[in-house]
Amino acid sequence: MKKPIIVPEHIMPKPMPWRNCDCMKNPVDLTEKKGTLTWVKAVGDPVCEGETVCEGEADKKTVEITAPCSGILREQTVEDECVFKAGDILGYIEEQ
């Protein structure tokens, strides 16, 4: 069964030790902001639940989007450097 990778409404920025400001302690609201996607995993790669499958740049912060389940990344519906927002389906993982 394929499970979608869905962009959450709110997501914490990726920790960056060199950028230690209060803005990094607040979640990014993707209902009002859009981001640009970069895939970390390729179609056919195995992934574990909670593992980062792609990253996005939103509101000058990097956010990590994780696998909702363990399995194989079967499809990427949004390509690298394309825009995403909350609720978008980025791809599908075939559960194993």
N, C-alpha and C. Protein backbone atom coordinates (compact mmCIF):
# COMPACT_ATOMS: atom_id res chain seq x y z
N MET A 1 0.84 -1.18 0.00
CA MET A 1 0.00 0.00 0.00
C MET A 1 0.89 1.25 0.00
N LYS A 2 0.55 2.21 -0.86
CA LYS A 2 1.33 3.45 -0.92
C LYS A 2 0.76 4.48 0.07
N LYS A 3 1.67 5.14 0.78
CA LYS A 3 1.28 6.16 1.74
C LYS A 3 1.85 7.51 1.29
N PRO A 4 1.03 8.56 1.27
CA PRO A 4 1.52 9.86 0.79
C PRO A 4 2.44 10.57 1.79
N ILE A 5 3.36 11.33 1.24
CA ILE A 5 4.20 12.24 2.04
C ILE A 5 3.53 13.61 1.92
N ILE A 6 2.91 14.06 3.00
CA ILE A 6 2.11 15.29 2.98
C ILE A 6 2.83 16.39 3.77
N VAL A 7 2.87 17.58 3.20
CA VAL A 7 3.49 18.72 3.88
C VAL A 7 2.60 19.13 5.05
N PRO A 8 3.17 19.16 6.27
CA PRO A 8 2.37 19.59 7.43
C PRO A 8 2.11 21.10 7.42
N GLU A 9 1.13 21.52 8.21
CA GLU A 9 0.82 22.96 8.29
C GLU A 9 1.92 23.73 9.00
N HIS A 10 2.48 23.12 10.04
CA HIS A 10 3.55 23.77 10.82
C HIS A 10 4.69 22.78 10.98
N ILE A 11 5.91 23.27 10.86
CA ILE A 11 7.09 22.41 10.98
C ILE A 11 8.24 23.21 11.58
N MET A 12 8.98 22.56 12.45
CA MET A 12 10.12 23.23 13.08
C MET A 12 11.28 23.34 12.09
N PRO A 13 12.02 24.46 12.13
CA PRO A 13 13.18 24.58 11.25
C PRO A 13 14.27 23.59 11.65
N LYS A 14 15.09 23.23 10.67
CA LYS A 14 16.23 22.34 10.90
C LYS A 14 17.21 23.06 11.82
N PRO A 15 17.69 22.39 12.88
CA PRO A 15 18.65 23.05 13.78
C PRO A 15 19.92 23.47 13.04
N MET A 16 20.34 24.69 13.29
CA MET A 16 21.56 25.22 12.69
C MET A 16 22.35 25.91 13.81
N PRO A 17 23.40 25.26 14.32
CA PRO A 17 24.13 25.82 15.47
C PRO A 17 24.67 27.23 15.24
N TRP A 18 25.02 27.58 14.00
CA TRP A 18 25.57 28.90 13.72
C TRP A 18 24.48 29.98 13.65
N ARG A 19 23.23 29.56 13.66
CA ARG A 19 22.12 30.52 13.59
C ARG A 19 21.25 30.33 14.83
N ASN A 20 21.72 30.84 15.94
CA ASN A 20 21.06 30.63 17.21
C ASN A 20 20.24 31.87 17.60
N CYS A 21 19.11 32.05 16.93
CA CYS A 21 18.25 33.19 17.26
C CYS A 21 16.86 32.66 17.66
N ASP A 22 16.06 33.53 18.25
CA ASP A 22 14.72 33.12 18.69
C ASP A 22 13.84 32.65 17.54
N CYS A 23 14.08 33.17 16.34
CA CYS A 23 13.26 32.79 15.19
C CYS A 23 13.40 31.30 14.87
N MET A 24 14.49 30.68 15.26
CA MET A 24 14.72 29.27 14.98
C MET A 24 13.99 28.36 15.99
N LYS A 25 13.40 28.98 17.02
CA LYS A 25 12.69 28.21 18.05
C LYS A 25 11.19 28.15 17.78
N ASN A 26 10.74 28.79 16.70
CA ASN A 26 9.32 28.82 16.36
C ASN A 26 9.07 28.02 15.09
N PRO A 27 7.95 27.31 15.02
CA PRO A 27 7.65 26.56 13.80
C PRO A 27 7.35 27.48 12.62
N VAL A 28 7.64 26.97 11.43
CA VAL A 28 7.32 27.69 10.20
C VAL A 28 5.88 27.36 9.84
N ASP A 29 5.07 28.39 9.61
CA ASP A 29 3.66 28.21 9.24
C ASP A 29 3.56 28.08 7.73
N LEU A 30 3.39 26.85 7.25
CA LEU A 30 3.34 26.61 5.81
C LEU A 30 1.96 26.83 5.22
N THR A 31 0.98 27.22 6.04
CA THR A 31 -0.33 27.58 5.49
C THR A 31 -0.26 28.97 4.87
N GLU A 32 0.69 29.79 5.35
CA GLU A 32 0.83 31.15 4.85
C GLU A 32 2.11 31.35 4.04
N LYS A 33 3.04 30.43 4.15
CA LYS A 33 4.32 30.53 3.45
C LYS A 33 4.44 29.39 2.45
N LYS A 34 5.23 29.59 1.43
CA LYS A 34 5.55 28.53 0.48
C LYS A 34 7.04 28.25 0.58
N GLY A 35 7.43 27.07 0.13
CA GLY A 35 8.83 26.69 0.19
C GLY A 35 9.30 26.12 -1.13
N THR A 36 10.61 25.94 -1.24
CA THR A 36 11.22 25.33 -2.40
C THR A 36 11.82 24.00 -1.97
N LEU A 37 11.55 22.95 -2.71
CA LEU A 37 11.88 21.58 -2.31
C LEU A 37 13.22 21.10 -2.85
N THR A 38 13.91 20.27 -2.05
CA THR A 38 15.10 19.54 -2.47
C THR A 38 14.99 18.12 -1.91
N TRP A 39 15.04 17.13 -2.78
CA TRP A 39 14.93 15.74 -2.35
C TRP A 39 16.28 15.25 -1.81
N VAL A 40 16.22 14.52 -0.69
CA VAL A 40 17.39 13.90 -0.09
C VAL A 40 17.45 12.43 -0.52
N LYS A 41 16.30 11.83 -0.74
CA LYS A 41 16.17 10.43 -1.16
C LYS A 41 15.70 10.38 -2.61
N ALA A 42 16.10 9.32 -3.30
CA ALA A 42 15.70 9.12 -4.70
C ALA A 42 14.64 8.02 -4.78
N VAL A 43 13.88 8.03 -5.86
CA VAL A 43 12.88 6.98 -6.09
C VAL A 43 13.61 5.63 -6.08
N GLY A 44 13.04 4.69 -5.33
CA GLY A 44 13.64 3.36 -5.19
C GLY A 44 14.45 3.20 -3.93
N ASP A 45 14.76 4.31 -3.24
CA ASP A 45 15.54 4.23 -2.00
C ASP A 45 14.68 3.71 -0.86
N PRO A 46 15.26 2.87 0.02
CA PRO A 46 14.54 2.48 1.23
C PRO A 46 14.56 3.64 2.23
N VAL A 47 13.48 3.80 2.98
CA VAL A 47 13.39 4.85 4.00
C VAL A 47 12.79 4.26 5.27
N CYS A 48 13.17 4.84 6.39
CA CYS A 48 12.61 4.44 7.68
C CYS A 48 11.66 5.53 8.15
N GLU A 49 10.64 5.14 8.89
CA GLU A 49 9.70 6.11 9.45
C GLU A 49 10.45 7.18 10.23
N GLY A 50 10.16 8.45 9.97
CA GLY A 50 10.80 9.56 10.65
C GLY A 50 12.09 10.04 10.01
N GLU A 51 12.58 9.32 9.01
CA GLU A 51 13.81 9.71 8.31
C GLU A 51 13.51 10.85 7.33
N THR A 52 14.44 11.78 7.20
CA THR A 52 14.27 12.90 6.28
C THR A 52 14.31 12.39 4.84
N VAL A 53 13.26 12.70 4.07
CA VAL A 53 13.20 12.31 2.66
C VAL A 53 13.43 13.52 1.75
N CYS A 54 13.11 14.72 2.25
CA CYS A 54 13.36 15.94 1.49
C CYS A 54 13.46 17.11 2.45
N GLU A 55 14.05 18.18 1.94
CA GLU A 55 14.17 19.41 2.70
C GLU A 55 13.54 20.54 1.90
N GLY A 56 13.12 21.55 2.61
CA GLY A 56 12.55 22.70 1.95
C GLY A 56 13.12 23.98 2.52
N GLU A 57 13.15 25.00 1.72
CA GLU A 57 13.56 26.32 2.15
C GLU A 57 12.29 27.16 2.22
N ALA A 58 11.93 27.60 3.42
CA ALA A 58 10.71 28.38 3.62
C ALA A 58 10.97 29.46 4.66
N ASP A 59 10.60 30.66 4.35
CA ASP A 59 10.76 31.79 5.27
C ASP A 59 12.21 31.93 5.72
N LYS A 60 13.16 31.72 4.79
CA LYS A 60 14.60 31.81 5.03
C LYS A 60 15.10 30.77 6.03
N LYS A 61 14.35 29.68 6.19
CA LYS A 61 14.74 28.60 7.09
C LYS A 61 14.65 27.28 6.34
N THR A 62 15.48 26.32 6.74
CA THR A 62 15.43 24.99 6.16
C THR A 62 14.55 24.12 7.04
N VAL A 63 13.60 23.42 6.41
CA VAL A 63 12.73 22.49 7.12
C VAL A 63 12.95 21.09 6.55
N GLU A 64 12.81 20.08 7.42
CA GLU A 64 12.98 18.70 7.00
C GLU A 64 11.61 18.02 6.97
N ILE A 65 11.32 17.33 5.88
CA ILE A 65 10.06 16.59 5.77
C ILE A 65 10.42 15.12 5.84
N THR A 66 9.77 14.42 6.77
CA THR A 66 10.16 13.05 7.08
C THR A 66 9.17 12.03 6.53
N ALA A 67 9.65 10.79 6.46
CA ALA A 67 8.83 9.68 5.97
C ALA A 67 7.74 9.35 6.99
N PRO A 68 6.49 9.22 6.54
CA PRO A 68 5.40 8.88 7.45
C PRO A 68 5.39 7.39 7.84
N CYS A 69 6.19 6.59 7.12
CA CYS A 69 6.25 5.15 7.39
C CYS A 69 7.55 4.60 6.82
N SER A 70 7.88 3.37 7.15
CA SER A 70 9.04 2.71 6.57
C SER A 70 8.63 2.04 5.27
N GLY A 71 9.55 2.00 4.30
CA GLY A 71 9.26 1.36 3.03
C GLY A 71 10.20 1.83 1.95
N ILE A 72 9.71 1.88 0.73
CA ILE A 72 10.48 2.29 -0.44
C ILE A 72 9.85 3.54 -1.03
N LEU A 73 10.67 4.56 -1.30
CA LEU A 73 10.16 5.76 -1.96
C LEU A 73 9.83 5.38 -3.40
N ARG A 74 8.55 5.42 -3.75
CA ARG A 74 8.11 4.96 -5.07
C ARG A 74 7.82 6.08 -6.06
N GLU A 75 7.51 7.27 -5.55
CA GLU A 75 7.14 8.35 -6.47
C GLU A 75 7.42 9.70 -5.84
N GLN A 76 7.91 10.63 -6.66
CA GLN A 76 8.08 12.02 -6.27
C GLN A 76 7.13 12.84 -7.14
N THR A 77 6.12 13.45 -6.52
CA THR A 77 5.13 14.20 -7.28
C THR A 77 5.50 15.68 -7.43
N VAL A 78 6.46 16.14 -6.63
CA VAL A 78 6.98 17.50 -6.72
C VAL A 78 8.48 17.37 -6.96
N GLU A 79 9.00 18.01 -7.98
CA GLU A 79 10.41 17.89 -8.34
C GLU A 79 11.27 18.87 -7.57
N ASP A 80 12.59 18.60 -7.58
CA ASP A 80 13.56 19.51 -6.97
C ASP A 80 13.36 20.93 -7.49
N GLU A 81 13.53 21.88 -6.57
CA GLU A 81 13.44 23.31 -6.87
C GLU A 81 12.02 23.80 -7.18
N CYS A 82 11.03 22.92 -7.01
CA CYS A 82 9.63 23.34 -7.21
C CYS A 82 9.05 23.84 -5.89
N VAL A 83 8.00 24.61 -5.98
CA VAL A 83 7.36 25.22 -4.82
C VAL A 83 6.36 24.26 -4.19
N PHE A 84 6.31 24.27 -2.84
CA PHE A 84 5.34 23.46 -2.11
C PHE A 84 4.72 24.31 -1.01
N LYS A 85 3.57 23.82 -0.50
CA LYS A 85 2.89 24.49 0.62
C LYS A 85 2.19 23.42 1.47
N ALA A 86 1.62 23.83 2.58
CA ALA A 86 0.93 22.90 3.48
C ALA A 86 -0.15 22.14 2.72
N GLY A 87 -0.20 20.84 2.98
CA GLY A 87 -1.23 19.99 2.38
C GLY A 87 -0.83 19.35 1.07
N ASP A 88 0.25 19.82 0.45
CA ASP A 88 0.70 19.22 -0.81
C ASP A 88 1.20 17.80 -0.57
N ILE A 89 0.95 16.93 -1.52
CA ILE A 89 1.50 15.58 -1.50
C ILE A 89 2.79 15.62 -2.32
N LEU A 90 3.91 15.34 -1.66
CA LEU A 90 5.21 15.43 -2.29
C LEU A 90 5.61 14.14 -2.99
N GLY A 91 5.08 13.03 -2.53
CA GLY A 91 5.44 11.75 -3.10
C GLY A 91 4.73 10.63 -2.35
N TYR A 92 5.13 9.39 -2.67
CA TYR A 92 4.50 8.22 -2.05
C TYR A 92 5.55 7.20 -1.64
N ILE A 93 5.32 6.59 -0.49
CA ILE A 93 6.18 5.52 0.02
C ILE A 93 5.34 4.23 0.01
N GLU A 94 5.91 3.17 -0.53
CA GLU A 94 5.25 1.87 -0.48
C GLU A 94 5.66 1.21 0.83
N GLU A 95 4.67 1.01 1.70
CA GLU A 95 4.95 0.42 3.01
C GLU A 95 5.42 -1.02 2.86
N GLN A 96 6.30 -1.43 3.78
CA GLN A 96 6.79 -2.81 3.77
C GLN A 96 6.65 -3.43 5.12
